[in-house]
Full PDB file with SEQRES, HELIX, SHEET, SSBOND, CRYST1, ORIGX, SCALE, CONECT and MASTER records, all heavy atoms in Angstrom:
SEQRES   1 A   30  ALA ALA ASP ASP ARG ILE VAL PRO GLU HIS ILE VAL LYS          
SEQRES   2 A   30  ARG VAL HIS ALA ARG LEU PRO ALA GLY GLU LEU ALA LEU          
SEQRES   3 A   30  ILE GLU ARG GLY                                              
HELIX    1 AA1 GLU A    9  ARG A   18  1                                  10    
CRYST1    1.000    1.000    1.000  90.00  90.00  90.00 P 1           1          
ORIGX1      1.000000  0.000000  0.000000        0.00000                         
ORIGX2      0.000000  1.000000  0.000000        0.00000                         
ORIGX3      0.000000  0.000000  1.000000        0.00000                         
SCALE1      1.000000  0.000000  0.000000        0.00000                         
SCALE2      0.000000  1.000000  0.000000        0.00000                         
SCALE3      0.000000  0.000000  1.000000        0.00000                         
ATOM      1  N   ALA A   1       3.145 -28.844 -10.080  1.00  0.00           N  
ATOM      2  CA  ALA A   1       4.108 -29.201 -11.129  1.00  0.00           C  
ATOM      3  C   ALA A   1       5.345 -29.791 -10.461  1.00  0.00           C  
ATOM      4  O   ALA A   1       5.835 -29.257  -9.453  1.00  0.00           O  
ATOM      5  CB  ALA A   1       4.480 -27.984 -11.961  1.00  0.00           C  
ATOM      6  N   ALA A   2       5.831 -30.878 -11.007  1.00  0.00           N  
ATOM      7  CA  ALA A   2       6.987 -31.566 -10.430  1.00  0.00           C  
ATOM      8  C   ALA A   2       8.234 -30.685 -10.408  1.00  0.00           C  
ATOM      9  O   ALA A   2       9.102 -30.867  -9.547  1.00  0.00           O  
ATOM     10  CB  ALA A   2       7.261 -32.860 -11.196  1.00  0.00           C  
ATOM     11  N   ASP A   3       8.304 -29.705 -11.305  1.00  0.00           N  
ATOM     12  CA  ASP A   3       9.488 -28.854 -11.345  1.00  0.00           C  
ATOM     13  C   ASP A   3       9.254 -27.465 -10.728  1.00  0.00           C  
ATOM     14  O   ASP A   3      10.034 -26.547 -10.933  1.00  0.00           O  
ATOM     15  CB  ASP A   3      10.007 -28.715 -12.776  1.00  0.00           C  
ATOM     16  CG  ASP A   3       9.048 -27.994 -13.705  1.00  0.00           C  
ATOM     17  OD1 ASP A   3       7.867 -27.778 -13.319  1.00  0.00           O  
ATOM     18  OD2 ASP A   3       9.461 -27.648 -14.823  1.00  0.00           O  
ATOM     19  N   ASP A   4       8.196 -27.331  -9.939  1.00  0.00           N  
ATOM     20  CA  ASP A   4       7.916 -26.058  -9.261  1.00  0.00           C  
ATOM     21  C   ASP A   4       8.932 -25.880  -8.132  1.00  0.00           C  
ATOM     22  O   ASP A   4       9.031 -26.709  -7.237  1.00  0.00           O  
ATOM     23  CB  ASP A   4       6.497 -26.094  -8.697  1.00  0.00           C  
ATOM     24  CG  ASP A   4       6.040 -24.763  -8.124  1.00  0.00           C  
ATOM     25  OD1 ASP A   4       6.894 -23.950  -7.713  1.00  0.00           O  
ATOM     26  OD2 ASP A   4       4.816 -24.551  -8.084  1.00  0.00           O  
ATOM     27  N   ARG A   5       9.696 -24.815  -8.181  1.00  0.00           N  
ATOM     28  CA  ARG A   5      10.735 -24.579  -7.175  1.00  0.00           C  
ATOM     29  C   ARG A   5      10.214 -23.746  -6.009  1.00  0.00           C  
ATOM     30  O   ARG A   5      10.877 -23.636  -4.987  1.00  0.00           O  
ATOM     31  CB  ARG A   5      11.942 -23.917  -7.823  1.00  0.00           C  
ATOM     32  CG  ARG A   5      12.557 -24.853  -8.879  1.00  0.00           C  
ATOM     33  CD  ARG A   5      13.640 -24.202  -9.652  1.00  0.00           C  
ATOM     34  NE  ARG A   5      14.880 -24.267  -8.885  1.00  0.00           N  
ATOM     35  CZ  ARG A   5      15.990 -23.685  -9.250  1.00  0.00           C  
ATOM     36  NH1 ARG A   5      16.034 -22.974 -10.356  1.00  0.00           N  
ATOM     37  NH2 ARG A   5      17.069 -23.793  -8.507  1.00  0.00           N  
ATOM     38  N   ILE A   6       9.022 -23.153  -6.142  1.00  0.00           N  
ATOM     39  CA  ILE A   6       8.448 -22.353  -5.057  1.00  0.00           C  
ATOM     40  C   ILE A   6       7.570 -23.226  -4.169  1.00  0.00           C  
ATOM     41  O   ILE A   6       7.633 -23.134  -2.936  1.00  0.00           O  
ATOM     42  CB  ILE A   6       7.672 -21.148  -5.630  1.00  0.00           C  
ATOM     43  CG1 ILE A   6       8.661 -20.232  -6.365  1.00  0.00           C  
ATOM     44  CG2 ILE A   6       6.942 -20.390  -4.524  1.00  0.00           C  
ATOM     45  CD1 ILE A   6       8.024 -19.118  -7.145  1.00  0.00           C  
ATOM     46  N   VAL A   7       6.734 -24.063  -4.779  1.00  0.00           N  
ATOM     47  CA  VAL A   7       5.929 -25.046  -4.049  1.00  0.00           C  
ATOM     48  C   VAL A   7       6.358 -26.415  -4.567  1.00  0.00           C  
ATOM     49  O   VAL A   7       5.775 -26.946  -5.508  1.00  0.00           O  
ATOM     50  CB  VAL A   7       4.415 -24.822  -4.251  1.00  0.00           C  
ATOM     51  CG1 VAL A   7       3.618 -25.822  -3.421  1.00  0.00           C  
ATOM     52  CG2 VAL A   7       4.017 -23.398  -3.899  1.00  0.00           C  
ATOM     53  N   PRO A   8       7.396 -26.997  -3.957  1.00  0.00           N  
ATOM     54  CA  PRO A   8       7.952 -28.248  -4.463  1.00  0.00           C  
ATOM     55  C   PRO A   8       6.969 -29.420  -4.389  1.00  0.00           C  
ATOM     56  O   PRO A   8       6.008 -29.403  -3.624  1.00  0.00           O  
ATOM     57  CB  PRO A   8       9.153 -28.511  -3.557  1.00  0.00           C  
ATOM     58  CG  PRO A   8       9.374 -27.276  -2.777  1.00  0.00           C  
ATOM     59  CD  PRO A   8       8.121 -26.487  -2.816  1.00  0.00           C  
ATOM     60  N   GLU A   9       7.257 -30.416  -5.186  1.00  0.00           N  
ATOM     61  CA  GLU A   9       6.416 -31.608  -5.282  1.00  0.00           C  
ATOM     62  C   GLU A   9       6.119 -32.228  -3.923  1.00  0.00           C  
ATOM     63  O   GLU A   9       4.986 -32.647  -3.662  1.00  0.00           O  
ATOM     64  CB  GLU A   9       7.105 -32.630  -6.200  1.00  0.00           C  
ATOM     65  CG  GLU A   9       6.344 -33.900  -6.392  1.00  0.00           C  
ATOM     66  CD  GLU A   9       7.046 -34.859  -7.341  1.00  0.00           C  
ATOM     67  OE1 GLU A   9       8.015 -34.474  -8.026  1.00  0.00           O  
ATOM     68  OE2 GLU A   9       6.614 -36.019  -7.392  1.00  0.00           O  
ATOM     69  N   HIS A  10       7.087 -32.285  -3.037  1.00  0.00           N  
ATOM     70  CA  HIS A  10       6.850 -32.932  -1.736  1.00  0.00           C  
ATOM     71  C   HIS A  10       5.817 -32.164  -0.907  1.00  0.00           C  
ATOM     72  O   HIS A  10       5.066 -32.768  -0.146  1.00  0.00           O  
ATOM     73  CB  HIS A  10       8.158 -33.137  -0.958  1.00  0.00           C  
ATOM     74  CG  HIS A  10       8.755 -31.892  -0.407  1.00  0.00           C  
ATOM     75  ND1 HIS A  10       9.591 -31.078  -1.137  1.00  0.00           N  
ATOM     76  CD2 HIS A  10       8.635 -31.321   0.811  1.00  0.00           C  
ATOM     77  CE1 HIS A  10       9.963 -30.053  -0.391  1.00  0.00           C  
ATOM     78  NE2 HIS A  10       9.390 -30.167   0.792  1.00  0.00           N  
ATOM     79  N   ILE A  11       5.731 -30.866  -1.076  1.00  0.00           N  
ATOM     80  CA  ILE A  11       4.716 -30.089  -0.353  1.00  0.00           C  
ATOM     81  C   ILE A  11       3.334 -30.326  -0.967  1.00  0.00           C  
ATOM     82  O   ILE A  11       2.344 -30.490  -0.246  1.00  0.00           O  
ATOM     83  CB  ILE A  11       5.081 -28.594  -0.331  1.00  0.00           C  
ATOM     84  CG1 ILE A  11       6.315 -28.397   0.536  1.00  0.00           C  
ATOM     85  CG2 ILE A  11       3.906 -27.751   0.168  1.00  0.00           C  
ATOM     86  CD1 ILE A  11       6.838 -26.990   0.585  1.00  0.00           C  
ATOM     87  N   VAL A  12       3.264 -30.369  -2.280  1.00  0.00           N  
ATOM     88  CA  VAL A  12       1.992 -30.650  -2.957  1.00  0.00           C  
ATOM     89  C   VAL A  12       1.477 -32.020  -2.510  1.00  0.00           C  
ATOM     90  O   VAL A  12       0.294 -32.178  -2.200  1.00  0.00           O  
ATOM     91  CB  VAL A  12       2.168 -30.591  -4.493  1.00  0.00           C  
ATOM     92  CG1 VAL A  12       0.910 -31.031  -5.211  1.00  0.00           C  
ATOM     93  CG2 VAL A  12       2.568 -29.196  -4.929  1.00  0.00           C  
ATOM     94  N   LYS A  13       2.348 -32.997  -2.455  1.00  0.00           N  
ATOM     95  CA  LYS A  13       1.952 -34.344  -2.026  1.00  0.00           C  
ATOM     96  C   LYS A  13       1.544 -34.362  -0.553  1.00  0.00           C  
ATOM     97  O   LYS A  13       0.625 -35.085  -0.162  1.00  0.00           O  
ATOM     98  CB  LYS A  13       3.083 -35.336  -2.278  1.00  0.00           C  
ATOM     99  CG  LYS A  13       3.261 -35.646  -3.747  1.00  0.00           C  
ATOM    100  CD  LYS A  13       4.383 -36.641  -3.976  1.00  0.00           C  
ATOM    101  CE  LYS A  13       4.491 -37.027  -5.426  1.00  0.00           C  
ATOM    102  NZ  LYS A  13       5.597 -37.976  -5.669  1.00  0.00           N  
ATOM    103  N   ARG A  14       2.199 -33.563   0.282  1.00  0.00           N  
ATOM    104  CA  ARG A  14       1.844 -33.493   1.702  1.00  0.00           C  
ATOM    105  C   ARG A  14       0.452 -32.884   1.867  1.00  0.00           C  
ATOM    106  O   ARG A  14      -0.361 -33.381   2.655  1.00  0.00           O  
ATOM    107  CB  ARG A  14       2.877 -32.689   2.475  1.00  0.00           C  
ATOM    108  CG  ARG A  14       2.606 -32.667   3.972  1.00  0.00           C  
ATOM    109  CD  ARG A  14       3.703 -32.017   4.742  1.00  0.00           C  
ATOM    110  NE  ARG A  14       3.763 -30.604   4.369  1.00  0.00           N  
ATOM    111  CZ  ARG A  14       4.784 -29.815   4.607  1.00  0.00           C  
ATOM    112  NH1 ARG A  14       5.872 -30.295   5.188  1.00  0.00           N  
ATOM    113  NH2 ARG A  14       4.754 -28.547   4.273  1.00  0.00           N  
ATOM    114  N   VAL A  15       0.163 -31.825   1.120  1.00  0.00           N  
ATOM    115  CA  VAL A  15      -1.173 -31.220   1.172  1.00  0.00           C  
ATOM    116  C   VAL A  15      -2.211 -32.246   0.734  1.00  0.00           C  
ATOM    117  O   VAL A  15      -3.229 -32.443   1.404  1.00  0.00           O  
ATOM    118  CB  VAL A  15      -1.234 -29.959   0.285  1.00  0.00           C  
ATOM    119  CG1 VAL A  15      -2.669 -29.504   0.073  1.00  0.00           C  
ATOM    120  CG2 VAL A  15      -0.398 -28.832   0.899  1.00  0.00           C  
ATOM    121  N   HIS A  16      -1.963 -32.916  -0.370  1.00  0.00           N  
ATOM    122  CA  HIS A  16      -2.894 -33.935  -0.867  1.00  0.00           C  
ATOM    123  C   HIS A  16      -3.130 -35.031   0.176  1.00  0.00           C  
ATOM    124  O   HIS A  16      -4.271 -35.435   0.413  1.00  0.00           O  
ATOM    125  CB  HIS A  16      -2.349 -34.543  -2.163  1.00  0.00           C  
ATOM    126  CG  HIS A  16      -3.057 -35.783  -2.565  1.00  0.00           C  
ATOM    127  ND1 HIS A  16      -2.478 -37.033  -2.465  1.00  0.00           N  
ATOM    128  CD2 HIS A  16      -4.301 -35.982  -3.049  1.00  0.00           C  
ATOM    129  CE1 HIS A  16      -3.339 -37.939  -2.873  1.00  0.00           C  
ATOM    130  NE2 HIS A  16      -4.452 -37.328  -3.239  1.00  0.00           N  
ATOM    131  N   ALA A  17      -2.084 -35.486   0.810  1.00  0.00           N  
ATOM    132  CA  ALA A  17      -2.209 -36.570   1.794  1.00  0.00           C  
ATOM    133  C   ALA A  17      -3.059 -36.171   2.995  1.00  0.00           C  
ATOM    134  O   ALA A  17      -3.668 -37.022   3.635  1.00  0.00           O  
ATOM    135  CB  ALA A  17      -0.820 -37.012   2.254  1.00  0.00           C  
ATOM    136  N   ARG A  18      -3.125 -34.890   3.292  1.00  0.00           N  
ATOM    137  CA  ARG A  18      -3.880 -34.420   4.458  1.00  0.00           C  
ATOM    138  C   ARG A  18      -5.332 -34.076   4.145  1.00  0.00           C  
ATOM    139  O   ARG A  18      -6.090 -33.746   5.042  1.00  0.00           O  
ATOM    140  CB  ARG A  18      -3.183 -33.218   5.068  1.00  0.00           C  
ATOM    141  CG  ARG A  18      -1.865 -33.590   5.690  1.00  0.00           C  
ATOM    142  CD  ARG A  18      -1.200 -32.411   6.326  1.00  0.00           C  
ATOM    143  NE  ARG A  18       0.052 -32.818   6.964  1.00  0.00           N  
ATOM    144  CZ  ARG A  18       0.866 -31.988   7.558  1.00  0.00           C  
ATOM    145  NH1 ARG A  18       0.581 -30.710   7.635  1.00  0.00           N  
ATOM    146  NH2 ARG A  18       1.973 -32.434   8.102  1.00  0.00           N  
ATOM    147  N   LEU A  19      -5.708 -34.160   2.899  1.00  0.00           N  
ATOM    148  CA  LEU A  19      -7.091 -33.875   2.511  1.00  0.00           C  
ATOM    149  C   LEU A  19      -7.878 -35.172   2.429  1.00  0.00           C  
ATOM    150  O   LEU A  19      -7.564 -36.036   1.609  1.00  0.00           O  
ATOM    151  CB  LEU A  19      -7.131 -33.162   1.160  1.00  0.00           C  
ATOM    152  CG  LEU A  19      -6.696 -31.707   1.166  1.00  0.00           C  
ATOM    153  CD1 LEU A  19      -6.460 -31.222  -0.258  1.00  0.00           C  
ATOM    154  CD2 LEU A  19      -7.724 -30.846   1.865  1.00  0.00           C  
ATOM    155  N   PRO A  20      -8.889 -35.328   3.250  1.00  0.00           N  
ATOM    156  CA  PRO A  20      -9.657 -36.580   3.251  1.00  0.00           C  
ATOM    157  C   PRO A  20     -10.258 -36.932   1.892  1.00  0.00           C  
ATOM    158  O   PRO A  20     -10.339 -38.105   1.541  1.00  0.00           O  
ATOM    159  CB  PRO A  20     -10.760 -36.319   4.276  1.00  0.00           C  
ATOM    160  CG  PRO A  20     -10.255 -35.220   5.127  1.00  0.00           C  
ATOM    161  CD  PRO A  20      -9.368 -34.386   4.257  1.00  0.00           C  
ATOM    162  N   ALA A  21     -10.686 -35.943   1.134  1.00  0.00           N  
ATOM    163  CA  ALA A  21     -11.302 -36.203  -0.171  1.00  0.00           C  
ATOM    164  C   ALA A  21     -10.476 -35.561  -1.283  1.00  0.00           C  
ATOM    165  O   ALA A  21     -11.010 -35.120  -2.296  1.00  0.00           O  
ATOM    166  CB  ALA A  21     -12.736 -35.681  -0.190  1.00  0.00           C  
ATOM    167  N   GLY A  22      -9.176 -35.553  -1.097  1.00  0.00           N  
ATOM    168  CA  GLY A  22      -8.300 -34.913  -2.077  1.00  0.00           C  
ATOM    169  C   GLY A  22      -7.942 -35.823  -3.231  1.00  0.00           C  
ATOM    170  O   GLY A  22      -7.857 -37.034  -3.085  1.00  0.00           O  
ATOM    171  N   GLU A  23      -7.757 -35.208  -4.371  1.00  0.00           N  
ATOM    172  CA  GLU A  23      -7.284 -35.911  -5.565  1.00  0.00           C  
ATOM    173  C   GLU A  23      -6.068 -35.142  -6.077  1.00  0.00           C  
ATOM    174  O   GLU A  23      -6.088 -33.915  -6.132  1.00  0.00           O  
ATOM    175  CB  GLU A  23      -8.377 -35.939  -6.624  1.00  0.00           C  
ATOM    176  CG  GLU A  23      -7.974 -36.657  -7.885  1.00  0.00           C  
ATOM    177  CD  GLU A  23      -9.115 -36.732  -8.888  1.00  0.00           C  
ATOM    178  OE1 GLU A  23     -10.282 -36.841  -8.472  1.00  0.00           O  
ATOM    179  OE2 GLU A  23      -8.825 -36.669 -10.094  1.00  0.00           O  
ATOM    180  N   LEU A  24      -5.027 -35.849  -6.433  1.00  0.00           N  
ATOM    181  CA  LEU A  24      -3.776 -35.228  -6.854  1.00  0.00           C  
ATOM    182  C   LEU A  24      -3.594 -35.303  -8.361  1.00  0.00           C  
ATOM    183  O   LEU A  24      -3.788 -36.350  -8.968  1.00  0.00           O  
ATOM    184  CB  LEU A  24      -2.592 -35.924  -6.173  1.00  0.00           C  
ATOM    185  CG  LEU A  24      -1.198 -35.445  -6.547  1.00  0.00           C  
ATOM    186  CD1 LEU A  24      -0.992 -33.989  -6.154  1.00  0.00           C  
ATOM    187  CD2 LEU A  24      -0.141 -36.338  -5.902  1.00  0.00           C  
ATOM    188  N   ALA A  25      -3.228 -34.170  -8.948  1.00  0.00           N  
ATOM    189  CA  ALA A  25      -2.819 -34.110 -10.350  1.00  0.00           C  
ATOM    190  C   ALA A  25      -1.448 -33.452 -10.362  1.00  0.00           C  
ATOM    191  O   ALA A  25      -1.316 -32.286 -10.012  1.00  0.00           O  
ATOM    192  CB  ALA A  25      -3.809 -33.307 -11.178  1.00  0.00           C  
ATOM    193  N   LEU A  26      -0.427 -34.210 -10.714  1.00  0.00           N  
ATOM    194  CA  LEU A  26       0.931 -33.688 -10.737  1.00  0.00           C  
ATOM    195  C   LEU A  26       1.389 -33.580 -12.192  1.00  0.00           C  
ATOM    196  O   LEU A  26       1.463 -34.580 -12.908  1.00  0.00           O  
ATOM    197  CB  LEU A  26       1.867 -34.605  -9.947  1.00  0.00           C  
ATOM    198  CG  LEU A  26       3.211 -34.018  -9.574  1.00  0.00           C  
ATOM    199  CD1 LEU A  26       3.056 -32.763  -8.727  1.00  0.00           C  
ATOM    200  CD2 LEU A  26       4.035 -35.044  -8.827  1.00  0.00           C  
ATOM    201  N   ILE A  27       1.643 -32.363 -12.605  1.00  0.00           N  
ATOM    202  CA  ILE A  27       2.088 -32.086 -13.970  1.00  0.00           C  
ATOM    203  C   ILE A  27       3.614 -32.186 -13.991  1.00  0.00           C  
ATOM    204  O   ILE A  27       4.279 -31.706 -13.073  1.00  0.00           O  
ATOM    205  CB  ILE A  27       1.610 -30.679 -14.398  1.00  0.00           C  
ATOM    206  CG1 ILE A  27       0.080 -30.640 -14.402  1.00  0.00           C  
ATOM    207  CG2 ILE A  27       2.181 -30.298 -15.750  1.00  0.00           C  
ATOM    208  CD1 ILE A  27      -0.508 -29.257 -14.582  1.00  0.00           C  
ATOM    209  N   GLU A  28       4.165 -32.791 -15.020  1.00  0.00           N  
ATOM    210  CA  GLU A  28       5.610 -33.018 -15.084  1.00  0.00           C  
ATOM    211  C   GLU A  28       6.430 -31.739 -15.119  1.00  0.00           C  
ATOM    212  O   GLU A  28       7.466 -31.642 -14.484  1.00  0.00           O  
ATOM    213  CB  GLU A  28       5.962 -33.861 -16.309  1.00  0.00           C  
ATOM    214  CG  GLU A  28       5.581 -35.306 -16.173  1.00  0.00           C  
ATOM    215  CD  GLU A  28       6.073 -36.106 -17.359  1.00  0.00           C  
ATOM    216  OE1 GLU A  28       7.217 -35.883 -17.803  1.00  0.00           O  
ATOM    217  OE2 GLU A  28       5.305 -36.950 -17.835  1.00  0.00           O  
ATOM    218  N   ARG A  29       5.963 -30.772 -15.884  1.00  0.00           N  
ATOM    219  CA  ARG A  29       6.754 -29.548 -16.035  1.00  0.00           C  
ATOM    220  C   ARG A  29       5.812 -28.347 -16.096  1.00  0.00           C  
ATOM    221  O   ARG A  29       4.615 -28.495 -16.234  1.00  0.00           O  
ATOM    222  CB  ARG A  29       7.609 -29.618 -17.285  1.00  0.00           C  
ATOM    223  CG  ARG A  29       6.822 -29.705 -18.564  1.00  0.00           C  
ATOM    224  CD  ARG A  29       7.723 -29.874 -19.780  1.00  0.00           C  
ATOM    225  NE  ARG A  29       6.967 -29.865 -21.013  1.00  0.00           N  
ATOM    226  CZ  ARG A  29       6.201 -30.852 -21.459  1.00  0.00           C  
ATOM    227  NH1 ARG A  29       6.073 -31.950 -20.741  1.00  0.00           N  
ATOM    228  NH2 ARG A  29       5.556 -30.755 -22.594  1.00  0.00           N  
ATOM    229  N   GLY A  30       6.396 -27.188 -16.015  1.00  0.00           N  
ATOM    230  CA  GLY A  30       5.603 -25.971 -16.086  1.00  0.00           C  
ATOM    231  C   GLY A  30       5.991 -24.956 -15.033  1.00  0.00           C  
ATOM    232  O   GLY A  30       5.594 -23.811 -15.074  1.00  0.00           O  
TER     233      GLY A  30                                                      
MASTER        0    0    0    1    0    0    0    6  232    1    0    3          
END                                                                             
């Protein structure tokens, strides 16, 4: 979630970028 303060968006994107077969779904809020 873009507004997650515990696992921020930049960390989610970093994890996704390091997964060879990863797909990212970023929810705006929650």
